[in-house]
């Protein structure tokens, strides 16, 4: 499952992201309503964890806008307030579930997993670009029938790139999604791992899949 977590408290968002990633979910994070609406409108998620109290556009406004645009992605609402009328308002706006704060991470993970079961037919667990495949369940990578061994971090980097083939991914976005950094450590960490991946998936194969967009970031796609 690919999940969007929308939470303005960065520490809470980090805890939630790590708990979901530990269970095998791919997780994107937004900290305000406008970014959440843009992300949910442009990317096919399997579930959304949406805090109600957000700066700018609040969670209920985001939810109503998604439903008005016929976006049926299952949504789990979070709120520090647990009044019945707020829960009813959220459910009437189109939420699939509601979890008051504070919550146990194990319960949140279980509820997100349940959201996935409500989302209709399961999507293929295999990501593919050209003749390169990445199985997100077994974490097995293959190109041209050849199995490629990946470290845990190499897998996370490849999965992040392959979930949006053709999209340029900036260094800071990679550091945040793959290493959980919210700052640039001032090293060539990303470049080192891209080089390692090139040696594994591109060196002995054609066409080349990993491309550098100078001054911007990296992209995985079949054509340069």
Foldseek 3Di string as FASTA:
>chain_A
DEEEEEAQPVVVVLVLCVLLVVVLYQYDYHNALVVVLVPLVPADGQEYEAEQDGPDQGRLNSLLVCVVVVNLRAYEYEYQDDDPVVQVSSVVSRHPYYDYPPDDSVVVNVVRVVSNVVSPDDDQQWFDADQWIARSPVRWIDGPNRTFDDDPLLSQLVVVQRSDAPDFDFPCNSCCRRVVDNDDPPDCVVVVSLVVVCVGHPPPDPDRFWDADPPGGIHGHRDD
